[in-house]
């Protein structure tokens, strides 16, 4: 009877995990579609006249933040592998490293806004193309905050000693989402570079 109850519980846990992963995929597809729509809006707006366009160089800070997000993807992947191999100390250290790199990315992005503002590129102006820089990077930063929460949850779970199945599942979701955010930033940065 106990074995049957445990089997039923495991089936329910597996179904919940599949549903959570499916929801994450739906969310990421929705996020990508939102950024694709913003890209389309930017292209349509800039095609409307020669006076439209970013008309400024992007801050060098974006290069540094790109390096940080790539490094954080690497540390996240290695943390995920460590979790699967039950190397818990390594997993925790790499999760902390990923969190710190993510926070560094956030700080550098905000610094880049300061650089843009000092160059006269402000959110509200006569050239909506320049406003798009803030929209793209601001929306991405909102998702980075969500990613940092997901990473923190995975780290807290490991510190509290959740069972290995839950640990690997949390790491799987966190890794998938964090890689997506890295890919999304590279897309945004290359798009802005090509249109500056």
N, C-alpha and C. Protein backbone atom coordinates (compact mmCIF):
# COMPACT_ATOMS: atom_id res chain seq x y z
N UNK A 1 0.82 -1.20 0.00
CA UNK A 1 0.00 0.00 0.00
C UNK A 1 0.87 1.27 0.00
N UNK A 2 1.94 1.25 0.82
CA UNK A 2 2.85 2.39 0.88
C UNK A 2 3.56 2.57 -0.45
N UNK A 3 3.97 1.45 -1.06
CA UNK A 3 4.67 1.50 -2.35
C UNK A 3 3.75 2.07 -3.43
N UNK A 4 2.46 1.71 -3.36
CA UNK A 4 1.50 2.21 -4.35
C UNK A 4 1.30 3.72 -4.18
N UNK A 5 1.22 4.18 -2.94
CA UNK A 5 1.06 5.61 -2.68
C UNK A 5 2.29 6.39 -3.16
N UNK A 6 3.47 5.82 -2.93
CA UNK A 6 4.72 6.47 -3.36
C UNK A 6 4.79 6.52 -4.89
N UNK A 7 4.37 5.44 -5.55
CA UNK A 7 4.35 5.40 -7.01
C UNK A 7 3.41 6.48 -7.57
N UNK A 8 2.22 6.61 -6.94
CA UNK A 8 1.26 7.62 -7.38
C UNK A 8 1.83 9.02 -7.17
N UNK A 9 2.50 9.24 -6.03
CA UNK A 9 3.11 10.54 -5.74
C UNK A 9 4.20 10.86 -6.77
N UNK A 10 5.03 9.87 -7.11
CA UNK A 10 6.09 10.08 -8.11
C UNK A 10 5.52 10.42 -9.47
N UNK A 11 4.41 9.76 -9.85
CA UNK A 11 3.77 10.07 -11.12
C UNK A 11 3.23 11.50 -11.12
N UNK A 12 2.64 11.92 -9.99
CA UNK A 12 2.12 13.28 -9.89
C UNK A 12 3.25 14.31 -9.94
N UNK A 13 4.36 14.01 -9.26
CA UNK A 13 5.52 14.91 -9.28
C UNK A 13 6.06 15.05 -10.70
N UNK A 14 6.16 13.92 -11.41
CA UNK A 14 6.66 13.93 -12.78
C UNK A 14 5.73 14.75 -13.68
N UNK A 15 4.43 14.59 -13.50
CA UNK A 15 3.46 15.35 -14.30
C UNK A 15 3.59 16.84 -14.01
N UNK A 16 3.79 17.21 -12.74
CA UNK A 16 3.96 18.63 -12.39
C UNK A 16 5.25 19.18 -13.00
N UNK A 17 6.31 18.39 -12.97
CA UNK A 17 7.57 18.84 -13.55
C UNK A 17 7.44 19.07 -15.05
N UNK A 18 6.77 18.14 -15.73
CA UNK A 18 6.56 18.31 -17.17
C UNK A 18 5.74 19.56 -17.46
N UNK A 19 4.73 19.80 -16.64
CA UNK A 19 3.88 20.99 -16.84
C UNK A 19 4.69 22.27 -16.61
N UNK A 20 5.53 22.28 -15.58
CA UNK A 20 6.35 23.47 -15.30
C UNK A 20 7.34 23.73 -16.44
N UNK A 21 7.94 22.67 -16.95
CA UNK A 21 8.89 22.85 -18.06
C UNK A 21 8.17 23.33 -19.32
N UNK A 22 6.99 22.77 -19.57
CA UNK A 22 6.19 23.21 -20.72
C UNK A 22 5.83 24.69 -20.59
N UNK A 23 5.43 25.10 -19.38
CA UNK A 23 5.10 26.51 -19.14
C UNK A 23 6.31 27.41 -19.36
N UNK A 24 7.48 26.94 -18.94
CA UNK A 24 8.70 27.73 -19.17
C UNK A 24 8.95 27.90 -20.67
N UNK A 25 8.80 26.82 -21.42
CA UNK A 25 8.98 26.92 -22.88
C UNK A 25 7.98 27.90 -23.49
N UNK A 26 6.72 27.82 -23.04
CA UNK A 26 5.71 28.75 -23.55
C UNK A 26 6.09 30.19 -23.23
N UNK A 27 6.56 30.41 -21.99
CA UNK A 27 6.98 31.74 -21.58
C UNK A 27 8.13 32.26 -22.42
N UNK A 28 9.12 31.40 -22.67
CA UNK A 28 10.27 31.82 -23.47
C UNK A 28 9.87 32.12 -24.91
N UNK A 29 8.98 31.32 -25.46
CA UNK A 29 8.49 31.58 -26.82
C UNK A 29 7.76 32.93 -26.85
N UNK A 30 6.94 33.18 -25.82
CA UNK A 30 6.25 34.46 -25.73
C UNK A 30 7.21 35.63 -25.63
N UNK A 31 8.26 35.46 -24.81
CA UNK A 31 9.26 36.53 -24.67
C UNK A 31 9.96 36.79 -26.00
N UNK A 32 10.33 35.71 -26.69
CA UNK A 32 11.01 35.88 -27.97
C UNK A 32 10.11 36.59 -28.97
N UNK A 33 8.83 36.22 -28.98
CA UNK A 33 7.89 36.86 -29.90
C UNK A 33 7.74 38.34 -29.57
N UNK A 34 7.77 38.68 -28.27
CA UNK A 34 7.68 40.09 -27.88
C UNK A 34 8.89 40.86 -28.41
N UNK A 35 10.09 40.29 -28.27
CA UNK A 35 11.27 40.98 -28.77
C UNK A 35 11.30 41.01 -30.30
N UNK A 36 10.76 39.98 -30.94
CA UNK A 36 10.66 39.99 -32.40
C UNK A 36 9.70 41.11 -32.85
N UNK A 37 8.60 41.29 -32.10
CA UNK A 37 7.66 42.36 -32.43
C UNK A 37 8.31 43.73 -32.23
N UNK A 38 9.08 43.88 -31.15
CA UNK A 38 9.80 45.14 -30.93
C UNK A 38 10.80 45.40 -32.06
N UNK A 39 11.48 44.34 -32.50
CA UNK A 39 12.43 44.48 -33.60
C UNK A 39 11.72 44.94 -34.87
N UNK A 40 10.57 44.34 -35.13
CA UNK A 40 9.79 44.72 -36.31
C UNK A 40 9.34 46.17 -36.22
N UNK A 41 8.88 46.56 -35.03
CA UNK A 41 8.46 47.96 -34.83
C UNK A 41 9.61 48.92 -35.06
N UNK A 42 10.79 48.56 -34.59
CA UNK A 42 11.97 49.39 -34.78
C UNK A 42 12.29 49.53 -36.28
N UNK A 43 12.27 48.41 -36.99
CA UNK A 43 12.59 48.41 -38.42
C UNK A 43 11.59 49.27 -39.20
N UNK A 44 10.32 49.09 -38.90
CA UNK A 44 9.28 49.87 -39.59
C UNK A 44 9.44 51.35 -39.29
N UNK A 45 9.70 51.70 -38.03
CA UNK A 45 9.86 53.10 -37.66
C UNK A 45 11.06 53.73 -38.36
N UNK A 46 12.20 53.05 -38.35
CA UNK A 46 13.41 53.64 -38.94
C UNK A 46 13.31 53.73 -40.46
N UNK A 47 12.51 52.86 -41.07
CA UNK A 47 12.34 52.92 -42.52
C UNK A 47 11.49 54.12 -42.94
N UNK A 48 10.86 54.77 -41.98
CA UNK A 48 9.95 55.88 -42.27
C UNK A 48 10.63 57.18 -42.64
N UNK A 49 11.94 57.27 -42.48
CA UNK A 49 12.61 58.52 -42.84
C UNK A 49 14.09 58.48 -42.53
N UNK A 50 14.86 59.27 -43.28
CA UNK A 50 16.32 59.29 -43.11
C UNK A 50 16.74 59.89 -41.78
N UNK A 51 15.86 60.70 -41.18
CA UNK A 51 16.19 61.33 -39.89
C UNK A 51 16.01 60.37 -38.72
N UNK A 52 15.48 59.20 -38.99
CA UNK A 52 15.25 58.22 -37.93
C UNK A 52 16.40 57.23 -37.86
N UNK A 53 16.60 56.66 -36.72
CA UNK A 53 17.69 55.72 -36.51
C UNK A 53 18.36 56.04 -35.19
N UNK A 54 19.21 55.16 -34.73
CA UNK A 54 19.83 55.35 -33.41
C UNK A 54 20.73 56.58 -33.40
N UNK A 55 21.47 56.81 -34.47
CA UNK A 55 22.30 58.01 -34.64
C UNK A 55 23.34 58.23 -33.54
N UNK A 56 23.76 57.17 -32.89
CA UNK A 56 24.81 57.26 -31.88
C UNK A 56 25.49 55.90 -31.77
N UNK A 57 26.73 55.91 -31.31
CA UNK A 57 27.43 54.65 -31.07
C UNK A 57 26.90 54.04 -29.77
N UNK A 58 26.77 52.73 -29.76
CA UNK A 58 26.37 52.07 -28.52
C UNK A 58 27.51 52.13 -27.51
N UNK A 59 27.21 52.18 -26.23
CA UNK A 59 28.27 52.25 -25.22
C UNK A 59 29.14 50.98 -25.21
N UNK A 60 30.43 51.17 -24.94
CA UNK A 60 31.34 50.02 -24.81
C UNK A 60 30.90 49.10 -23.68
N UNK A 61 30.16 49.64 -22.74
CA UNK A 61 29.68 48.83 -21.61
C UNK A 61 28.88 47.63 -22.09
N UNK A 62 28.20 47.75 -23.24
CA UNK A 62 27.44 46.62 -23.78
C UNK A 62 28.36 45.45 -24.14
N UNK A 63 29.59 45.74 -24.56
CA UNK A 63 30.55 44.67 -24.86
C UNK A 63 30.88 43.92 -23.58
N UNK A 64 31.13 44.67 -22.50
CA UNK A 64 31.49 44.04 -21.23
C UNK A 64 30.32 43.24 -20.66
N UNK A 65 29.12 43.78 -20.79
CA UNK A 65 27.97 43.02 -20.28
C UNK A 65 27.75 41.75 -21.11
N UNK A 66 28.06 41.81 -22.41
CA UNK A 66 27.95 40.61 -23.25
C UNK A 66 28.94 39.55 -22.78
N UNK A 67 30.16 39.96 -22.47
CA UNK A 67 31.15 39.01 -21.96
C UNK A 67 30.69 38.40 -20.64
N UNK A 68 30.08 39.21 -19.78
CA UNK A 68 29.59 38.69 -18.50
C UNK A 68 28.46 37.68 -18.69
N UNK A 69 27.54 37.96 -19.60
CA UNK A 69 26.41 37.04 -19.77
C UNK A 69 26.88 35.73 -20.39
N UNK A 70 27.89 35.79 -21.27
CA UNK A 70 28.43 34.55 -21.85
C UNK A 70 29.15 33.76 -20.77
N UNK A 71 29.95 34.44 -19.95
CA UNK A 71 30.65 33.76 -18.85
C UNK A 71 29.65 33.14 -17.88
N UNK A 72 28.56 33.85 -17.61
CA UNK A 72 27.56 33.32 -16.68
C UNK A 72 26.85 32.10 -17.25
N UNK A 73 26.68 32.05 -18.56
CA UNK A 73 26.09 30.86 -19.18
C UNK A 73 27.01 29.65 -19.01
N UNK A 74 28.31 29.91 -19.12
CA UNK A 74 29.28 28.82 -18.95
C UNK A 74 29.25 28.32 -17.50
N UNK A 75 29.29 29.23 -16.53
CA UNK A 75 29.27 28.80 -15.13
C UNK A 75 27.95 28.09 -14.80
N UNK A 76 26.86 28.54 -15.40
CA UNK A 76 25.56 27.90 -15.15
C UNK A 76 25.55 26.48 -15.70
N UNK A 77 26.09 26.30 -16.90
CA UNK A 77 26.12 24.97 -17.49
C UNK A 77 26.97 24.02 -16.66
N UNK A 78 28.12 24.50 -16.20
CA UNK A 78 29.00 23.65 -15.39
C UNK A 78 28.33 23.35 -14.04
N UNK A 79 27.59 24.31 -13.49
CA UNK A 79 26.84 24.07 -12.24
C UNK A 79 25.78 23.00 -12.45
N UNK A 80 25.12 23.02 -13.59
CA UNK A 80 24.10 22.02 -13.90
C UNK A 80 24.73 20.62 -13.99
N UNK A 81 25.86 20.53 -14.66
CA UNK A 81 26.56 19.25 -14.76
C UNK A 81 26.98 18.78 -13.37
N UNK A 82 27.48 19.71 -12.55
CA UNK A 82 27.88 19.36 -11.18
C UNK A 82 26.69 18.83 -10.38
N UNK A 83 25.52 19.44 -10.57
CA UNK A 83 24.31 18.98 -9.86
C UNK A 83 23.96 17.55 -10.27
N UNK A 84 24.05 17.27 -11.56
CA UNK A 84 23.72 15.93 -12.04
C UNK A 84 24.71 14.89 -11.52
N UNK A 85 25.95 15.31 -11.29
CA UNK A 85 26.97 14.38 -10.79
C UNK A 85 27.09 14.41 -9.27
N UNK A 86 26.13 15.06 -8.61
CA UNK A 86 26.07 15.20 -7.15
C UNK A 86 27.34 15.84 -6.55
N UNK A 87 27.92 16.74 -7.27
CA UNK A 87 29.04 17.54 -6.76
C UNK A 87 28.44 18.84 -6.19
N UNK A 88 27.89 18.72 -5.02
CA UNK A 88 27.06 19.80 -4.48
C UNK A 88 27.86 21.06 -4.12
N UNK A 89 29.05 20.90 -3.60
CA UNK A 89 29.87 22.07 -3.26
C UNK A 89 30.19 22.85 -4.53
N UNK A 90 30.59 22.13 -5.58
CA UNK A 90 30.89 22.78 -6.85
C UNK A 90 29.65 23.44 -7.42
N UNK A 91 28.50 22.76 -7.31
CA UNK A 91 27.24 23.33 -7.79
C UNK A 91 26.94 24.66 -7.09
N UNK A 92 27.07 24.68 -5.77
CA UNK A 92 26.77 25.91 -5.02
C UNK A 92 27.73 27.04 -5.40
N UNK A 93 29.02 26.72 -5.49
CA UNK A 93 30.00 27.75 -5.84
C UNK A 93 29.73 28.33 -7.23
N UNK A 94 29.41 27.47 -8.17
CA UNK A 94 29.15 27.94 -9.53
C UNK A 94 27.83 28.70 -9.62
N UNK A 95 26.85 28.31 -8.82
CA UNK A 95 25.60 29.07 -8.79
C UNK A 95 25.85 30.46 -8.23
N UNK A 96 26.66 30.56 -7.19
CA UNK A 96 27.01 31.88 -6.63
C UNK A 96 27.75 32.70 -7.69
N UNK A 97 28.68 32.07 -8.40
CA UNK A 97 29.42 32.77 -9.46
C UNK A 97 28.46 33.26 -10.55
N UNK A 98 27.50 32.43 -10.92
CA UNK A 98 26.53 32.82 -11.94
C UNK A 98 25.67 33.99 -11.46
N UNK A 99 25.25 33.92 -10.21
CA UNK A 99 24.48 35.03 -9.63
C UNK A 99 25.29 36.33 -9.65
N UNK A 100 26.54 36.26 -9.26
CA UNK A 100 27.39 37.46 -9.23
C UNK A 100 27.61 38.02 -10.63
N UNK A 101 27.82 37.12 -11.60
CA UNK A 101 27.97 37.57 -12.99
C UNK A 101 26.67 38.20 -13.50
N UNK A 102 25.54 37.62 -13.11
CA UNK A 102 24.24 38.18 -13.51
C UNK A 102 24.01 39.55 -12.90
N UNK A 103 24.38 39.71 -11.64
CA UNK A 103 24.27 41.02 -10.99
C UNK A 103 25.21 42.02 -11.66
N UNK A 104 26.43 41.55 -12.00
CA UNK A 104 27.37 42.41 -12.72
C UNK A 104 26.81 42.86 -14.06
N UNK A 105 26.16 41.93 -14.77
CA UNK A 105 25.52 42.26 -16.04
C UNK A 105 24.49 43.37 -15.82
N UNK A 106 23.68 43.21 -14.80
CA UNK A 106 22.63 44.20 -14.49
C UNK A 106 23.24 45.57 -14.23
N UNK A 107 24.27 45.60 -13.39
CA UNK A 107 24.91 46.87 -13.02
C UNK A 107 25.51 47.54 -14.25
N UNK A 108 26.19 46.78 -15.10
CA UNK A 108 26.81 47.35 -16.29
C UNK A 108 25.76 47.89 -17.26
N UNK A 109 24.63 47.21 -17.36
CA UNK A 109 23.56 47.69 -18.23
C UNK A 109 23.02 49.04 -17.74
N UNK A 110 22.83 49.16 -16.43
CA UNK A 110 22.37 50.43 -15.87
C UNK A 110 23.42 51.51 -16.11
N UNK A 111 24.69 51.15 -15.95
CA UNK A 111 25.78 52.10 -16.23
C UNK A 111 25.72 52.55 -17.70
N UNK A 112 25.44 51.61 -18.61
CA UNK A 112 25.34 51.95 -20.03
C UNK A 112 24.23 52.96 -20.28
N UNK A 113 23.14 52.86 -19.53
CA UNK A 113 22.08 53.87 -19.64
C UNK A 113 22.61 55.25 -19.27
N UNK A 114 23.44 55.30 -18.23
CA UNK A 114 24.05 56.57 -17.84
C UNK A 114 24.93 57.14 -18.93
N UNK A 115 25.68 56.26 -19.60
CA UNK A 115 26.53 56.70 -20.72
C UNK A 115 25.66 57.25 -21.84
N UNK A 116 24.59 56.54 -22.16
CA UNK A 116 23.69 57.01 -23.22
C UNK A 116 23.08 58.37 -22.87
N UNK A 117 22.65 58.50 -21.62
CA UNK A 117 22.06 59.77 -21.18
C UNK A 117 23.06 60.90 -21.29
N UNK A 118 24.31 60.64 -20.91
CA UNK A 118 25.34 61.69 -21.01
C UNK A 118 25.60 62.10 -22.45
N UNK A 119 25.28 61.23 -23.40
CA UNK A 119 25.44 61.54 -24.83
C UNK A 119 24.19 62.20 -25.41
N UNK A 120 23.20 62.43 -24.56
CA UNK A 120 21.98 63.07 -25.04
C UNK A 120 20.94 62.09 -25.54
N UNK A 121 21.18 60.79 -25.37
CA UNK A 121 20.20 59.78 -25.78
C UNK A 121 19.33 59.48 -24.57
N UNK A 122 18.11 60.04 -24.59
CA UNK A 122 17.20 59.86 -23.46
C UNK A 122 15.98 59.10 -23.93
N UNK A 123 15.23 58.57 -22.96
CA UNK A 123 14.08 57.73 -23.30
C UNK A 123 13.02 58.50 -24.07
N UNK A 124 12.69 59.68 -23.59
CA UNK A 124 11.65 60.48 -24.26
C UNK A 124 12.35 61.54 -25.10
N UNK A 125 12.26 61.40 -26.42
CA UNK A 125 12.85 62.37 -27.33
C UNK A 125 12.12 62.32 -28.66
N UNK A 126 12.60 63.10 -29.62
CA UNK A 126 11.93 63.16 -30.93
C UNK A 126 12.28 61.98 -31.83
N UNK A 127 13.25 61.18 -31.42
CA UNK A 127 13.68 60.04 -32.22
C UNK A 127 13.37 58.76 -31.45
N UNK A 128 12.27 58.13 -31.80
CA UNK A 128 11.85 56.92 -31.08
C UNK A 128 12.85 55.78 -31.23
N UNK A 129 13.70 55.82 -32.26
CA UNK A 129 14.71 54.78 -32.42
C UNK A 129 15.63 54.72 -31.21
N UNK A 130 15.96 55.90 -30.68
CA UNK A 130 16.81 55.94 -29.49
C UNK A 130 16.05 55.43 -28.27
N UNK A 131 14.77 55.69 -28.22
CA UNK A 131 13.95 55.18 -27.11
C UNK A 131 13.92 53.65 -27.13
N UNK A 132 13.97 53.08 -28.34
CA UNK A 132 13.96 51.63 -28.46
C UNK A 132 15.13 50.98 -27.72
N UNK A 133 16.28 51.66 -27.64
CA UNK A 133 17.42 51.10 -26.91
C UNK A 133 17.02 50.82 -25.47
N UNK A 134 16.34 51.79 -24.86
CA UNK A 134 15.91 51.64 -23.47
C UNK A 134 14.83 50.57 -23.34
N UNK A 135 13.94 50.50 -24.34
CA UNK A 135 12.87 49.50 -24.29
C UNK A 135 13.47 48.10 -24.38
N UNK A 136 14.36 47.88 -25.37
CA UNK A 136 14.99 46.56 -25.52
C UNK A 136 15.75 46.17 -24.26
N UNK A 137 16.65 47.05 -23.82
CA UNK A 137 17.51 46.70 -22.68
C UNK A 137 16.72 46.66 -21.37
N UNK A 138 15.74 47.53 -21.24
CA UNK A 138 14.92 47.53 -20.03
C UNK A 138 14.07 46.27 -19.90
N UNK A 139 13.45 45.86 -20.99
CA UNK A 139 12.67 44.62 -20.97
C UNK A 139 13.57 43.43 -20.67
N UNK A 140 14.76 43.44 -21.25
CA UNK A 140 15.69 42.33 -21.00
C UNK A 140 16.12 42.33 -19.54
N UNK A 141 16.38 43.51 -18.98
CA UNK A 141 16.78 43.57 -17.56
C UNK A 141 15.68 43.07 -16.65
N UNK A 142 14.42 43.33 -17.00
CA UNK A 142 13.31 42.80 -16.20
C UNK A 142 13.36 41.28 -16.18
N UNK A 143 13.69 40.69 -17.32
CA UNK A 143 13.79 39.23 -17.39
C UNK A 143 15.05 38.72 -16.67
N UNK A 144 16.11 39.52 -16.70
CA UNK A 144 17.32 39.15 -15.94
C UNK A 144 16.99 39.09 -14.45
N UNK A 145 16.20 40.05 -13.96
CA UNK A 145 15.78 40.00 -12.55
C UNK A 145 15.03 38.69 -12.25
N UNK A 146 14.14 38.31 -13.15
CA UNK A 146 13.41 37.05 -12.97
C UNK A 146 14.40 35.88 -12.98
N UNK A 147 15.39 35.93 -13.87
CA UNK A 147 16.40 34.88 -13.94
C UNK A 147 17.22 34.79 -12.66
N UNK A 148 17.54 35.94 -12.08
CA UNK A 148 18.30 35.95 -10.83
C UNK A 148 17.48 35.32 -9.70
N UNK A 149 16.18 35.55 -9.71
CA UNK A 149 15.31 34.92 -8.70
C UNK A 149 15.30 33.41 -8.88
N UNK A 150 15.22 32.95 -10.14
CA UNK A 150 15.24 31.51 -10.42
C UNK A 150 16.57 30.90 -9.96
N UNK A 151 17.68 31.60 -10.22
CA UNK A 151 18.99 31.11 -9.78
C UNK A 151 19.07 31.06 -8.25
N UNK A 152 18.57 32.10 -7.60
CA UNK A 152 18.59 32.14 -6.14
C UNK A 152 17.75 31.00 -5.56
N UNK A 153 16.63 30.72 -6.20
CA UNK A 153 15.78 29.61 -5.73
C UNK A 153 16.51 28.27 -5.86
N UNK A 154 17.22 28.08 -6.95
CA UNK A 154 17.99 26.85 -7.13
C UNK A 154 19.09 26.74 -6.07
N UNK A 155 19.74 27.86 -5.79
CA UNK A 155 20.81 27.87 -4.79
C UNK A 155 20.25 27.59 -3.39
N UNK A 156 19.15 28.24 -3.04
CA UNK A 156 18.55 28.02 -1.72
C UNK A 156 18.10 26.57 -1.58
N UNK A 157 17.53 26.01 -2.65
CA UNK A 157 17.13 24.61 -2.62
C UNK A 157 18.30 23.69 -2.35
N UNK A 158 19.43 23.98 -2.99
CA UNK A 158 20.62 23.15 -2.78
C UNK A 158 21.15 23.31 -1.35
N UNK A 159 21.15 24.55 -0.84
CA UNK A 159 21.62 24.80 0.53
C UNK A 159 20.73 24.08 1.54
N UNK A 160 19.43 24.08 1.28
CA UNK A 160 18.49 23.41 2.19
C UNK A 160 18.48 21.90 2.01
N UNK A 161 19.16 21.41 1.01
CA UNK A 161 19.28 19.97 0.81
C UNK A 161 18.05 19.30 0.23
N UNK A 162 17.43 19.94 -0.77
CA UNK A 162 16.28 19.29 -1.43
C UNK A 162 16.76 17.97 -2.03
N UNK A 163 15.80 17.07 -2.24
CA UNK A 163 16.19 15.77 -2.80
C UNK A 163 16.79 15.94 -4.20
N UNK A 164 17.54 14.96 -4.63
CA UNK A 164 18.31 15.08 -5.87
C UNK A 164 17.42 15.27 -7.10
N UNK A 165 16.26 14.64 -7.11
CA UNK A 165 15.36 14.80 -8.26
C UNK A 165 14.92 16.27 -8.37
N UNK A 166 14.52 16.85 -7.24
CA UNK A 166 14.10 18.26 -7.24
C UNK A 166 15.28 19.18 -7.55
N UNK A 167 16.44 18.84 -7.03
CA UNK A 167 17.64 19.64 -7.27
C UNK A 167 17.96 19.70 -8.76
N UNK A 168 17.99 18.55 -9.40
CA UNK A 168 18.32 18.51 -10.84
C UNK A 168 17.23 19.19 -11.65
N UNK A 169 15.97 19.02 -11.25
CA UNK A 169 14.88 19.66 -11.97
C UNK A 169 14.98 21.18 -11.88
N UNK A 170 15.23 21.70 -10.68
CA UNK A 170 15.39 23.15 -10.51
C UNK A 170 16.56 23.66 -11.35
N UNK A 171 17.64 22.91 -11.34
CA UNK A 171 18.82 23.31 -12.12
C UNK A 171 18.53 23.25 -13.62
N UNK A 172 17.76 22.26 -14.02
CA UNK A 172 17.40 22.14 -15.44
C UNK A 172 16.62 23.37 -15.89
N UNK A 173 15.61 23.76 -15.12
CA UNK A 173 14.81 24.94 -15.48
C UNK A 173 15.65 26.21 -15.44
N UNK A 174 16.46 26.35 -14.38
CA UNK A 174 17.28 27.55 -14.23
C UNK A 174 18.28 27.67 -15.38
N UNK A 175 18.89 26.54 -15.74
CA UNK A 175 19.89 26.54 -16.82
C UNK A 175 19.24 26.90 -18.15
N UNK A 176 18.11 26.30 -18.42
CA UNK A 176 17.39 26.57 -19.67
C UNK A 176 17.03 28.05 -19.78
N UNK A 177 16.48 28.59 -18.70
CA UNK A 177 16.05 29.99 -18.71
C UNK A 177 17.25 30.93 -18.80
N UNK A 178 18.33 30.62 -18.08
CA UNK A 178 19.50 31.49 -18.09
C UNK A 178 20.17 31.50 -19.47
N UNK A 179 20.27 30.33 -20.10
CA UNK A 179 20.83 30.28 -21.46
C UNK A 179 19.95 31.08 -22.42
N UNK A 180 18.65 30.97 -22.25
CA UNK A 180 17.74 31.73 -23.10
C UNK A 180 17.98 33.23 -22.95
N UNK A 181 18.16 33.69 -21.71
CA UNK A 181 18.41 35.12 -21.47
C UNK A 181 19.72 35.55 -22.11
N UNK A 182 20.73 34.69 -22.06
CA UNK A 182 22.00 34.99 -22.72
C UNK A 182 21.83 35.10 -24.22
N UNK A 183 21.12 34.14 -24.80
CA UNK A 183 20.86 34.16 -26.24
C UNK A 183 20.07 35.42 -26.62
N UNK A 184 19.09 35.75 -25.79
CA UNK A 184 18.25 36.92 -26.06
C UNK A 184 19.08 38.20 -26.04
N UNK A 185 20.00 38.32 -25.07
CA UNK A 185 20.83 39.52 -25.02
C UNK A 185 21.72 39.61 -26.26
N UNK A 186 22.30 38.50 -26.68
CA UNK A 186 23.17 38.52 -27.87
C UNK A 186 22.35 38.95 -29.09
N UNK A 187 21.13 38.44 -29.19
CA UNK A 187 20.25 38.86 -30.29
C UNK A 187 20.01 40.38 -30.24
N UNK A 188 19.66 40.89 -29.05
CA UNK A 188 19.38 42.33 -28.90
C UNK A 188 20.61 43.15 -29.26
N UNK A 189 21.76 42.75 -28.73
CA UNK A 189 22.99 43.51 -28.94
C UNK A 189 23.37 43.52 -30.42
N UNK A 190 23.32 42.37 -31.07
CA UNK A 190 23.66 42.31 -32.50
C UNK A 190 22.65 43.13 -33.30
N UNK A 191 21.38 43.04 -32.95
CA UNK A 191 20.36 43.81 -33.66
C UNK A 191 20.64 45.31 -33.53
N UNK A 192 20.94 45.76 -32.32
CA UNK A 192 21.22 47.18 -32.12
C UNK A 192 22.51 47.59 -32.84
N UNK A 193 23.53 46.72 -32.80
CA UNK A 193 24.78 47.02 -33.51
C UNK A 193 24.54 47.21 -35.00
N UNK A 194 23.75 46.33 -35.57
CA UNK A 194 23.49 46.39 -37.01
C UNK A 194 22.66 47.61 -37.40
N UNK A 195 21.98 48.19 -36.42
CA UNK A 195 21.10 49.32 -36.71
C UNK A 195 21.56 50.64 -36.10
N UNK A 196 22.80 50.68 -35.61
CA UNK A 196 23.26 51.94 -34.99
C UNK A 196 23.68 52.94 -36.05
